[in-house]
């Protein structure tokens, strides 16, 4: 489920902001890259008797730039703020097939919250990583199985 949500969220960000974003992990060999990664701590927030659940999934959007490239670092931080602003405005997540037709998802989007403002996360000899954390709440039914 989180992988499907991750792919749909990454797709929506890419299409709306026209950026190249990987739904997965950063490649340490590629500076100036950006990824949407799952974080631990996702959990069921609420569940009713028929199995309908509010589930919170935690994600992080991370960018890396070459160490010492301060203009790239500034640009990365600015881009993360643009992404953060876009995420704050999301009211629905849609998924489309290759023909542009909307596809049925196995979840219903509820809310998206930016949980931390963009910040530097880590620096080493080769790269500096910046990121922001988000929480996405979806509605799903534990008894309904997707095909």
Protein backbone atom coordinates (compact mmCIF):
# COMPACT_ATOMS: atom_id res chain seq x y z
CA UNK A 1 0.00 0.00 0.00
CA UNK A 2 2.63 2.55 0.97
CA UNK A 3 4.52 1.81 -2.24
CA UNK A 4 1.41 2.52 -4.34
CA UNK A 5 0.83 5.73 -2.38
CA UNK A 6 4.50 6.63 -2.72
CA UNK A 7 4.39 6.19 -6.51
CA UNK A 8 1.16 8.20 -6.86
CA UNK A 9 2.52 11.01 -4.67
CA UNK A 10 5.83 11.09 -6.57
CA UNK A 11 3.95 11.17 -9.87
CA UNK A 12 1.76 14.07 -8.75
CA UNK A 13 4.77 16.10 -7.57
CA UNK A 14 6.67 15.45 -10.81
CA UNK A 15 3.75 16.40 -13.04
CA UNK A 16 2.73 19.51 -11.11
CA UNK A 17 6.23 20.92 -10.54
CA UNK A 18 7.96 19.48 -13.63
CA UNK A 19 10.87 18.02 -11.65
CA UNK A 20 12.65 14.69 -11.83
CA UNK A 21 11.95 12.81 -8.60
CA UNK A 22 12.68 9.18 -7.74
CA UNK A 23 10.17 7.21 -5.65
CA UNK A 24 12.82 5.38 -3.66
CA UNK A 25 16.33 6.11 -2.49
CA UNK A 26 18.92 8.67 -3.53
CA UNK A 27 21.83 7.41 -5.60
CA UNK A 28 24.95 8.59 -3.72
CA UNK A 29 26.83 8.77 -7.04
CA UNK A 30 24.41 11.36 -8.45
CA UNK A 31 24.63 14.83 -6.94
CA UNK A 32 21.69 17.18 -7.55
CA UNK A 33 19.11 14.40 -7.28
CA UNK A 34 15.83 14.22 -5.38
CA UNK A 35 13.89 11.27 -3.91
CA UNK A 36 10.66 10.50 -2.08
CA UNK A 37 11.43 7.88 0.58
CA UNK A 38 9.25 6.09 3.12
CA UNK A 39 10.02 6.68 6.78
CA UNK A 40 9.30 4.41 9.74
CA UNK A 41 6.39 5.07 12.04
CA UNK A 42 3.43 4.70 9.68
CA UNK A 43 0.39 3.50 11.61
CA UNK A 44 -3.39 3.12 11.82
CA UNK A 45 -4.82 6.27 13.41
CA UNK A 46 -8.43 5.11 13.62
CA UNK A 47 -10.55 2.12 12.57
CA UNK A 48 -14.29 1.50 12.58
CA UNK A 49 -16.16 -1.80 12.93
CA UNK A 50 -16.40 -2.49 9.19
CA UNK A 51 -12.61 -2.28 8.78
CA UNK A 52 -12.34 1.25 7.39
CA UNK A 53 -9.04 2.69 8.59
CA UNK A 54 -7.40 6.09 8.67
CA UNK A 55 -3.73 5.26 8.07
CA UNK A 56 -0.87 7.76 8.42
CA UNK A 57 2.14 7.12 6.17
CA UNK A 58 5.38 8.99 6.78
CA UNK A 59 7.62 10.10 3.91
CA UNK A 60 10.67 12.26 3.39
CA UNK A 61 11.63 14.25 0.32
CA UNK A 62 15.41 14.42 0.17
CA UNK A 63 17.75 16.29 -2.16
CA UNK A 64 21.49 15.96 -2.36
CA UNK A 65 24.06 18.31 -3.82
CA UNK A 66 27.83 18.21 -4.05
CA UNK A 67 29.66 19.40 -0.92
CA UNK A 68 31.05 22.89 -1.30
CA UNK A 69 28.61 23.88 -4.08
CA UNK A 70 26.79 26.56 -2.12
CA UNK A 71 24.77 27.87 -5.06
CA UNK A 72 23.44 24.32 -5.66
CA UNK A 73 22.67 24.00 -1.94
CA UNK A 74 20.75 27.29 -1.97
CA UNK A 75 18.85 26.19 -5.09
CA UNK A 76 18.03 22.81 -3.48
CA UNK A 77 16.68 24.50 -0.36
CA UNK A 78 14.59 26.88 -2.47
CA UNK A 79 13.23 23.96 -4.50
CA UNK A 80 12.30 22.12 -1.30
CA UNK A 81 10.32 25.17 -0.17
CA UNK A 82 8.50 25.20 -3.54
CA UNK A 83 7.72 21.50 -3.08
CA UNK A 84 6.59 22.16 0.51
CA UNK A 85 4.23 24.92 -0.66
CA UNK A 86 2.79 22.63 -3.33
CA UNK A 87 2.31 19.79 -0.84
CA UNK A 88 0.44 22.12 1.53
CA UNK A 89 -2.02 22.87 -1.29
CA UNK A 90 -2.82 19.26 -2.26
CA UNK A 91 -6.48 18.36 -1.83
CA UNK A 92 -6.48 15.11 -3.82
CA UNK A 93 -4.06 12.58 -5.29
CA UNK A 94 -4.97 11.23 -8.70
CA UNK A 95 -3.41 8.36 -10.61
CA UNK A 96 -3.51 8.05 -14.40
CA UNK A 97 -2.72 5.23 -16.81
CA UNK A 98 -0.57 5.60 -19.93
CA UNK A 99 -3.64 6.79 -21.90
CA UNK A 100 -4.29 9.60 -19.43
CA UNK A 101 -7.36 7.95 -17.90
CA UNK A 102 -7.81 8.19 -14.13
CA UNK A 103 -7.28 4.83 -12.40
CA UNK A 104 -8.96 3.56 -9.25
CA UNK A 105 -6.56 3.42 -6.30
CA UNK A 106 -6.77 1.09 -3.31
CA UNK A 107 -6.90 4.09 -0.98
CA UNK A 108 -8.77 7.36 -0.63
CA UNK A 109 -6.68 10.46 0.04
CA UNK A 110 -7.59 12.28 3.26
CA UNK A 111 -4.89 14.81 4.18
CA UNK A 112 -1.25 15.68 3.68
CA UNK A 113 0.76 17.55 6.29
CA UNK A 114 4.27 18.92 5.94
CA UNK A 115 5.69 17.85 9.30
CA UNK A 116 9.03 19.63 9.09
CA UNK A 117 10.25 22.59 7.10
CA UNK A 118 13.11 22.01 4.64
CA UNK A 119 16.45 21.72 6.43
CA UNK A 120 19.96 20.36 6.00
CA UNK A 121 20.00 16.75 7.19
CA UNK A 122 23.51 15.47 6.63
CA UNK A 123 26.84 16.48 5.14
CA UNK A 124 29.88 14.40 4.27
CA UNK A 125 32.94 14.88 2.06
CA UNK A 126 30.99 14.36 -1.17
CA UNK A 127 27.41 15.48 -0.62
CA UNK A 128 25.06 17.58 1.46
CA UNK A 129 21.50 16.31 1.94
CA UNK A 130 18.48 18.49 2.61
CA UNK A 131 14.96 17.35 3.15
CA UNK A 132 11.48 17.76 4.52
CA UNK A 133 9.16 15.26 6.18
CA UNK A 134 5.51 14.75 5.33
CA UNK A 135 2.64 12.71 6.67
CA UNK A 136 -0.11 11.46 4.35
CA UNK A 137 -3.36 10.16 5.81
CA UNK A 138 -5.43 7.86 3.62
CA UNK A 139 -8.67 6.00 4.07
CA UNK A 140 -8.68 2.30 3.22
CA UNK A 141 -10.54 -0.84 4.18
CA UNK A 142 -8.53 -3.63 5.77
CA UNK A 143 -10.88 -6.29 4.37
CA UNK A 144 -10.92 -5.04 0.79
CA UNK A 145 -8.16 -6.64 -1.28
CA UNK A 146 -6.87 -4.88 -4.38
CA UNK A 147 -6.42 -6.83 -7.62
